[in-house]
Amino acid sequence: MPIRREHRFFYPIDWPQLSAVIRFERAKGRCEVCARPHGQRVFHLGDGRWWDGVEGWWRDGAGRFICLGIGDDDVLGRVRTTRVVLATGHRDHDTANNKPKNLAAFCQRCHMNHDRPEHQRRRWRTLFRRKASGDLFRGPYP
């Protein structure tokens, strides 16, 4: 996941090397949450379940092996594919805290799930500021 130009100064100068160590040496090229492999196309059902071609099993969103039940045949019609790209993320959302314990290798899905509360907080703050700005500068006449 590329870093926005205006946020680059929050990251250390050796971020690309640090990120590569976390993603490929520590995590061995797999998401640390769901175990999806980097750079591979995987079949998934859209709800977190995905096909691990190396192991020959379906996995859930937490990376655990699962069996699709007999009633799940209709689910197989919804199979999609996606290319997995790993990114290094901060567990506590603090870009200044680059301790290995605070960094994690996330696939796109897990990274978005991890960041969802922070994105919602930022969205609320942005909307609140826009509303406050509108109240401040809107005149008494419609």
C-alpha atoms as a PDB file:
ATOM      1  CA  MET A   1       0.000   0.000   0.000  1.00  0.00           C
ATOM      2  CA  PRO A   2       1.764   3.183  -1.079  1.00  0.00           C
ATOM      3  CA  ILE A   3       2.357   5.919   1.430  1.00  0.00           C
ATOM      4  CA  ARG A   4       0.866   9.285   0.551  1.00  0.00           C
ATOM      5  CA  ARG A   5       3.377  11.987  -0.250  1.00  0.00           C
ATOM      6  CA  GLU A   6       2.183  14.194   2.610  1.00  0.00           C
ATOM      7  CA  HIS A   7       2.640  11.323   5.121  1.00  0.00           C
ATOM      8  CA  ARG A   8       6.102  10.176   4.047  1.00  0.00           C
ATOM      9  CA  PHE A   9       7.920  12.276   6.626  1.00  0.00           C
ATOM     10  CA  PHE A  10       6.161  10.267   9.397  1.00  0.00           C
ATOM     11  CA  TYR A  11       8.058   7.126   8.339  1.00  0.00           C
ATOM     12  CA  PRO A  12      11.773   6.411   8.859  1.00  0.00           C
ATOM     13  CA  ILE A  13      14.109   6.796   5.923  1.00  0.00           C
ATOM     14  CA  ASP A  14      14.779   3.030   5.867  1.00  0.00           C
ATOM     15  CA  TRP A  15      11.055   2.125   5.772  1.00  0.00           C
ATOM     16  CA  PRO A  16      11.275   0.070   2.521  1.00  0.00           C
ATOM     17  CA  GLN A  17      13.980  -2.147   4.025  1.00  0.00           C
ATOM     18  CA  LEU A  18      12.188  -2.438   7.375  1.00  0.00           C
ATOM     19  CA  SER A  19       8.942  -3.314   5.616  1.00  0.00           C
ATOM     20  CA  ALA A  20      10.671  -5.984   3.503  1.00  0.00           C
ATOM     21  CA  VAL A  21      12.163  -7.600   6.621  1.00  0.00           C
ATOM     22  CA  ILE A  22       8.736  -7.780   8.295  1.00  0.00           C
ATOM     23  CA  ARG A  23       6.910  -9.084   5.187  1.00  0.00           C
ATOM     24  CA  PHE A  24       9.409 -11.546   3.777  1.00  0.00           C
ATOM     25  CA  GLU A  25      11.777 -12.610   6.547  1.00  0.00           C
ATOM     26  CA  ARG A  26       9.551 -12.634   9.615  1.00  0.00           C
ATOM     27  CA  ALA A  27       6.207 -13.430   7.942  1.00  0.00           C
ATOM     28  CA  LYS A  28       7.765 -15.619   5.198  1.00  0.00           C
ATOM     29  CA  GLY A  29       5.717 -13.869   2.497  1.00  0.00           C
ATOM     30  CA  ARG A  30       2.318 -14.604   4.087  1.00  0.00           C
ATOM     31  CA  CYS A  31      -0.227 -12.409   5.824  1.00  0.00           C
ATOM     32  CA  GLU A  32       0.230 -12.712   9.583  1.00  0.00           C
ATOM     33  CA  VAL A  33      -3.534 -12.754  10.143  1.00  0.00           C
ATOM     34  CA  CYS A  34      -5.005 -15.003   7.438  1.00  0.00           C
ATOM     35  CA  ALA A  35      -1.852 -16.586   5.898  1.00  0.00           C
ATOM     36  CA  ARG A  36      -2.584 -15.518   2.294  1.00  0.00           C
ATOM     37  CA  PRO A  37       0.604 -15.736   0.175  1.00  0.00           C
ATOM     38  CA  HIS A  38       2.123 -12.570  -1.299  1.00  0.00           C
ATOM     39  CA  GLY A  39       2.010 -12.121  -5.078  1.00  0.00           C
ATOM     40  CA  GLN A  40      -0.318 -15.081  -5.700  1.00  0.00           C
ATOM     41  CA  ARG A  41      -3.836 -15.152  -7.076  1.00  0.00           C
ATOM     42  CA  VAL A  42      -6.173 -16.798  -4.596  1.00  0.00           C
ATOM     43  CA  PHE A  43      -9.762 -17.936  -4.918  1.00  0.00           C
ATOM     44  CA  HIS A  44     -12.014 -16.453  -2.247  1.00  0.00           C
ATOM     45  CA  LEU A  45     -15.690 -16.257  -1.357  1.00  0.00           C
ATOM     46  CA  GLY A  46     -15.758 -12.582  -0.346  1.00  0.00           C
ATOM     47  CA  ASP A  47     -16.450 -13.292   3.327  1.00  0.00           C
ATOM     48  CA  GLY A  48     -12.874 -14.128   4.326  1.00  0.00           C
ATOM     49  CA  ARG A  49     -12.838 -17.764   3.248  1.00  0.00           C
ATOM     50  CA  TRP A  50     -10.189 -18.537   0.649  1.00  0.00           C
ATOM     51  CA  TRP A  51      -8.603 -21.518  -1.098  1.00  0.00           C
ATOM     52  CA  ASP A  52      -5.029 -22.334  -0.074  1.00  0.00           C
ATOM     53  CA  GLY A  53      -3.672 -24.061  -3.185  1.00  0.00           C
ATOM     54  CA  VAL A  54      -0.424 -25.073  -1.473  1.00  0.00           C
ATOM     55  CA  GLU A  55      -2.174 -26.939   1.345  1.00  0.00           C
ATOM     56  CA  GLY A  56      -5.217 -27.946  -0.718  1.00  0.00           C
ATOM     57  CA  TRP A  57      -7.739 -26.664   1.856  1.00  0.00           C
ATOM     58  CA  TRP A  58     -10.150 -23.810   2.357  1.00  0.00           C
ATOM     59  CA  ARG A  59      -9.157 -21.363   5.092  1.00  0.00           C
ATOM     60  CA  ASP A  60     -11.234 -18.865   7.028  1.00  0.00           C
ATOM     61  CA  GLY A  61     -10.423 -15.182   7.569  1.00  0.00           C
ATOM     62  CA  ALA A  62      -8.149 -16.073  10.497  1.00  0.00           C
ATOM     63  CA  GLY A  63      -6.111 -18.559   8.457  1.00  0.00           C
ATOM     64  CA  ARG A  64      -7.583 -21.685  10.075  1.00  0.00           C
ATOM     65  CA  PHE A  65      -8.354 -24.685   7.883  1.00  0.00           C
ATOM     66  CA  ILE A  66     -12.075 -25.259   7.330  1.00  0.00           C
ATOM     67  CA  CYS A  67     -14.325 -27.663   5.459  1.00  0.00           C
ATOM     68  CA  LEU A  68     -17.162 -26.394   3.337  1.00  0.00           C
ATOM     69  CA  GLY A  69     -20.325 -28.230   4.323  1.00  0.00           C
ATOM     70  CA  ILE A  70     -22.700 -30.052   1.993  1.00  0.00           C
ATOM     71  CA  GLY A  71     -25.080 -27.071   2.043  1.00  0.00           C
ATOM     72  CA  ASP A  72     -22.286 -24.766   0.886  1.00  0.00           C
ATOM     73  CA  ASP A  73     -22.459 -25.877  -2.766  1.00  0.00           C
ATOM     74  CA  ASP A  74     -24.275 -22.670  -3.743  1.00  0.00           C
ATOM     75  CA  VAL A  75     -21.330 -20.718  -2.301  1.00  0.00           C
ATOM     76  CA  LEU A  76     -18.978 -22.114  -4.910  1.00  0.00           C
ATOM     77  CA  GLY A  77     -20.849 -20.142  -7.569  1.00  0.00           C
ATOM     78  CA  ARG A  78     -19.607 -16.950  -5.872  1.00  0.00           C
ATOM     79  CA  VAL A  79     -15.898 -17.761  -6.082  1.00  0.00           C
ATOM     80  CA  ARG A  80     -13.759 -14.795  -7.098  1.00  0.00           C
ATOM     81  CA  THR A  81     -10.034 -14.324  -7.483  1.00  0.00           C
ATOM     82  CA  THR A  82      -7.737 -11.640  -6.184  1.00  0.00           C
ATOM     83  CA  ARG A  83      -4.016 -11.000  -6.294  1.00  0.00           C
ATOM     84  CA  VAL A  84      -2.561 -10.767  -2.806  1.00  0.00           C
ATOM     85  CA  VAL A  85      -0.186  -7.899  -1.987  1.00  0.00           C
ATOM     86  CA  LEU A  86       1.374  -7.723   1.457  1.00  0.00           C
ATOM     87  CA  ALA A  87       1.932  -4.427   3.226  1.00  0.00           C
ATOM     88  CA  THR A  88       3.483  -3.665   6.587  1.00  0.00           C
ATOM     89  CA  GLY A  89       1.113  -1.986   8.991  1.00  0.00           C
ATOM     90  CA  HIS A  90       1.349  -0.501  12.470  1.00  0.00           C
ATOM     91  CA  ARG A  91      -0.760  -2.361  15.004  1.00  0.00           C
ATOM     92  CA  ASP A  92      -1.302   0.778  17.103  1.00  0.00           C
ATOM     93  CA  HIS A  93      -1.608   3.157  14.091  1.00  0.00           C
ATOM     94  CA  ASP A  94       1.379   5.173  15.362  1.00  0.00           C
ATOM     95  CA  THR A  95       3.848   5.587  12.494  1.00  0.00           C
ATOM     96  CA  ALA A  96       6.559   6.680  14.942  1.00  0.00           C
ATOM     97  CA  ASN A  97       6.428   3.331  16.759  1.00  0.00           C
ATOM     98  CA  ASN A  98       8.480   1.070  14.479  1.00  0.00           C
ATOM     99  CA  LYS A  99       9.311  -1.666  16.956  1.00  0.00           C
ATOM    100  CA  PRO A 100       9.047  -5.127  15.355  1.00  0.00           C
ATOM    101  CA  LYS A 101       6.345  -6.087  17.856  1.00  0.00           C
ATOM    102  CA  ASN A 102       4.194  -3.180  16.613  1.00  0.00           C
ATOM    103  CA  LEU A 103       4.594  -4.005  12.903  1.00  0.00           C
ATOM    104  CA  ALA A 104       2.639  -6.681  11.059  1.00  0.00           C
ATOM    105  CA  ALA A 105       2.483  -8.047   7.522  1.00  0.00           C
ATOM    106  CA  PHE A 106      -1.099  -7.643   6.300  1.00  0.00           C
ATOM    107  CA  CYS A 107      -2.804  -8.589   3.040  1.00  0.00           C
ATOM    108  CA  GLN A 108      -5.218  -6.003   1.592  1.00  0.00           C
ATOM    109  CA  ARG A 109      -8.271  -7.479   3.321  1.00  0.00           C
ATOM    110  CA  CYS A 110      -6.688  -7.810   6.748  1.00  0.00           C
ATOM    111  CA  HIS A 111      -5.097  -4.358   6.517  1.00  0.00           C
ATOM    112  CA  MET A 112      -8.472  -2.763   5.754  1.00  0.00           C
ATOM    113  CA  ASN A 113     -10.141  -4.739   8.558  1.00  0.00           C
ATOM    114  CA  HIS A 114      -7.403  -3.674  10.983  1.00  0.00           C
ATOM    115  CA  ASP A 115      -7.632  -0.010   9.953  1.00  0.00           C
ATOM    116  CA  ARG A 116     -11.454   0.177   9.811  1.00  0.00           C
ATOM    117  CA  PRO A 117     -11.959   1.749  13.279  1.00  0.00           C
ATOM    118  CA  GLU A 118      -9.236   4.321  12.595  1.00  0.00           C
ATOM    119  CA  HIS A 119     -10.743   5.154   9.181  1.00  0.00           C
ATOM    120  CA  GLN A 120     -14.184   5.576  10.755  1.00  0.00           C
ATOM    121  CA  ARG A 121     -12.745   7.859  13.427  1.00  0.00           C
ATOM    122  CA  ARG A 122     -10.978  10.002  10.812  1.00  0.00           C
ATOM    123  CA  ARG A 123     -14.074  10.132   8.605  1.00  0.00           C
ATOM    124  CA  TRP A 124     -16.210  11.290  11.561  1.00  0.00           C
ATOM    125  CA  ARG A 125     -13.613  13.948  12.421  1.00  0.00           C
ATOM    126  CA  THR A 126     -13.494  15.217   8.822  1.00  0.00           C
ATOM    127  CA  LEU A 127     -17.289  15.420   8.595  1.00  0.00           C
ATOM    128  CA  PHE A 128     -17.456  17.137  11.988  1.00  0.00           C
ATOM    129  CA  ARG A 129     -14.898  19.740  10.892  1.00  0.00           C
ATOM    130  CA  ARG A 130     -16.720  20.379   7.618  1.00  0.00           C
ATOM    131  CA  LYS A 131     -19.986  20.866   9.458  1.00  0.00           C
ATOM    132  CA  ALA A 132     -18.340  23.182  11.985  1.00  0.00           C
ATOM    133  CA  SER A 133     -16.722  25.163   9.175  1.00  0.00           C
ATOM    134  CA  GLY A 134     -20.067  25.457   7.391  1.00  0.00           C
ATOM    135  CA  ASP A 135     -21.742  26.672  10.572  1.00  0.00           C
ATOM    136  CA  LEU A 136     -18.986  29.233  11.068  1.00  0.00           C
ATOM    137  CA  PHE A 137     -19.007  30.709   7.571  1.00  0.00           C
ATOM    138  CA  ARG A 138     -22.637  30.329   6.565  1.00  0.00           C
ATOM    139  CA  GLY A 139     -24.479  33.586   6.906  1.00  0.00           C
ATOM    140  CA  PRO A 140     -27.862  34.119   8.547  1.00  0.00           C
ATOM    141  CA  TYR A 141     -29.519  34.204   5.122  1.00  0.00           C
ATOM    142  CA  PRO A 142     -30.235  30.999   3.205  1.00  0.00           C
END
